[in-house]
Amino acid sequence: MLVKVNKFTFPADFVILDMEEDSNVPIILGRPFMKTAQAIIDVGDGEFKLKVQDEVITFNVFEATTHPNDKGACF
């Protein structure tokens, strides 16, 4: 399956669980995805970076967790 993060698209494997819908349950992307996306997590600065070739997208984790939980949206 392809996962689009901002302007990047990555291949990712998923396990489908049959359960009730709950928008408070996050999608967990494991180590294979993190390696493919060349993810860098800086806990101290609260940054999550994804890299494709020479392009880097940086997410501020502290900022993302302050947004309201919009159903159907990922932060």
C-alpha atoms as a PDB file:
ATOM      1  CA  MET A   1       0.000   0.000   0.000  1.00  0.00           C
ATOM      2  CA  LEU A   2       1.227   3.535  -0.649  1.00  0.00           C
ATOM      3  CA  VAL A   3       1.242   6.088   2.168  1.00  0.00           C
ATOM      4  CA  LYS A   4       1.303   9.780   1.268  1.00  0.00           C
ATOM      5  CA  VAL A   5       3.005  12.094   3.761  1.00  0.00           C
ATOM      6  CA  ASN A   6       2.848  15.703   2.611  1.00  0.00           C
ATOM      7  CA  LYS A   7       4.442  15.599  -0.866  1.00  0.00           C
ATOM      8  CA  PHE A   8       6.187  12.220  -0.439  1.00  0.00           C
ATOM      9  CA  THR A   9       4.669   8.811  -1.173  1.00  0.00           C
ATOM     10  CA  PHE A  10       6.132   5.685   0.427  1.00  0.00           C
ATOM     11  CA  PRO A  11       5.371   1.966   0.123  1.00  0.00           C
ATOM     12  CA  ALA A  12       4.244   0.448   3.441  1.00  0.00           C
ATOM     13  CA  ASP A  13       2.949  -2.891   4.689  1.00  0.00           C
ATOM     14  CA  PHE A  14      -0.216  -2.965   6.783  1.00  0.00           C
ATOM     15  CA  VAL A  15      -1.930  -5.459   9.026  1.00  0.00           C
ATOM     16  CA  ILE A  16      -5.706  -5.083   8.902  1.00  0.00           C
ATOM     17  CA  LEU A  17      -7.529  -5.494  12.219  1.00  0.00           C
ATOM     18  CA  ASP A  18     -11.264  -6.111  12.411  1.00  0.00           C
ATOM     19  CA  MET A  19     -12.342  -3.765  15.217  1.00  0.00           C
ATOM     20  CA  GLU A  20     -14.754  -0.963  15.994  1.00  0.00           C
ATOM     21  CA  GLU A  21     -13.946   2.434  14.525  1.00  0.00           C
ATOM     22  CA  ASP A  22     -12.088   4.689  16.962  1.00  0.00           C
ATOM     23  CA  SER A  23     -10.565   7.939  15.702  1.00  0.00           C
ATOM     24  CA  ASN A  24      -8.396   8.144  18.835  1.00  0.00           C
ATOM     25  CA  VAL A  25      -6.397   5.049  17.845  1.00  0.00           C
ATOM     26  CA  PRO A  26      -3.323   6.134  15.850  1.00  0.00           C
ATOM     27  CA  ILE A  27      -1.854   4.398  12.828  1.00  0.00           C
ATOM     28  CA  ILE A  28       1.454   2.871  13.848  1.00  0.00           C
ATOM     29  CA  LEU A  29       4.113   2.866  11.147  1.00  0.00           C
ATOM     30  CA  GLY A  30       6.901   0.476  12.082  1.00  0.00           C
ATOM     31  CA  ARG A  31      10.623   0.257  11.509  1.00  0.00           C
ATOM     32  CA  PRO A  32      10.430  -0.818   7.841  1.00  0.00           C
ATOM     33  CA  PHE A  33       8.461   2.359   7.019  1.00  0.00           C
ATOM     34  CA  MET A  34      10.814   4.509   9.095  1.00  0.00           C
ATOM     35  CA  LYS A  35      13.797   3.077   7.211  1.00  0.00           C
ATOM     36  CA  THR A  36      12.166   3.588   3.803  1.00  0.00           C
ATOM     37  CA  ALA A  37      11.256   7.177   4.710  1.00  0.00           C
ATOM     38  CA  GLN A  38      14.719   7.793   6.219  1.00  0.00           C
ATOM     39  CA  ALA A  39      12.952   9.043   9.343  1.00  0.00           C
ATOM     40  CA  ILE A  40      14.851  11.008  11.964  1.00  0.00           C
ATOM     41  CA  ILE A  41      13.173  11.580  15.323  1.00  0.00           C
ATOM     42  CA  ASP A  42      14.611  14.281  17.582  1.00  0.00           C
ATOM     43  CA  VAL A  43      12.816  13.885  20.892  1.00  0.00           C
ATOM     44  CA  GLY A  44      14.518  16.902  22.505  1.00  0.00           C
ATOM     45  CA  ASP A  45      13.497  19.326  19.760  1.00  0.00           C
ATOM     46  CA  GLY A  46      10.172  17.575  19.098  1.00  0.00           C
ATOM     47  CA  GLU A  47      10.964  17.112  15.406  1.00  0.00           C
ATOM     48  CA  PHE A  48      10.114  14.259  13.073  1.00  0.00           C
ATOM     49  CA  LYS A  49      11.877  14.397   9.691  1.00  0.00           C
ATOM     50  CA  LEU A  50      11.244  12.378   6.541  1.00  0.00           C
ATOM     51  CA  LYS A  51      13.751  12.420   3.709  1.00  0.00           C
ATOM     52  CA  VAL A  52      13.571  11.500   0.018  1.00  0.00           C
ATOM     53  CA  GLN A  53      16.835  11.996  -1.847  1.00  0.00           C
ATOM     54  CA  ASP A  54      17.844  15.599  -1.019  1.00  0.00           C
ATOM     55  CA  GLU A  55      14.391  16.796   0.094  1.00  0.00           C
ATOM     56  CA  VAL A  56      13.429  16.842   3.778  1.00  0.00           C
ATOM     57  CA  ILE A  57      10.046  17.474   5.407  1.00  0.00           C
ATOM     58  CA  THR A  58      10.098  18.406   9.099  1.00  0.00           C
ATOM     59  CA  PHE A  59       7.100  18.012  11.397  1.00  0.00           C
ATOM     60  CA  ASN A  60       6.944  19.665  14.806  1.00  0.00           C
ATOM     61  CA  VAL A  61       5.510  16.968  17.064  1.00  0.00           C
ATOM     62  CA  PHE A  62       4.570  19.419  19.826  1.00  0.00           C
ATOM     63  CA  GLU A  63       2.595  21.527  17.327  1.00  0.00           C
ATOM     64  CA  ALA A  64       0.867  18.519  15.759  1.00  0.00           C
ATOM     65  CA  THR A  65      -0.458  17.257  19.091  1.00  0.00           C
ATOM     66  CA  THR A  66      -2.202  20.573  19.817  1.00  0.00           C
ATOM     67  CA  HIS A  67      -4.498  20.351  16.771  1.00  0.00           C
ATOM     68  CA  PRO A  68      -8.057  19.100  17.255  1.00  0.00           C
ATOM     69  CA  ASN A  69      -8.749  15.511  16.295  1.00  0.00           C
ATOM     70  CA  ASP A  70     -10.456  15.946  12.916  1.00  0.00           C
ATOM     71  CA  LYS A  71     -12.050  12.706  11.838  1.00  0.00           C
ATOM     72  CA  GLY A  72     -10.462  11.502   8.631  1.00  0.00           C
ATOM     73  CA  ALA A  73      -7.308  13.612   9.028  1.00  0.00           C
ATOM     74  CA  CYS A  74      -3.809  12.625  10.090  1.00  0.00           C
ATOM     75  CA  PHE A  75      -1.243  14.885  11.699  1.00  0.00           C
END
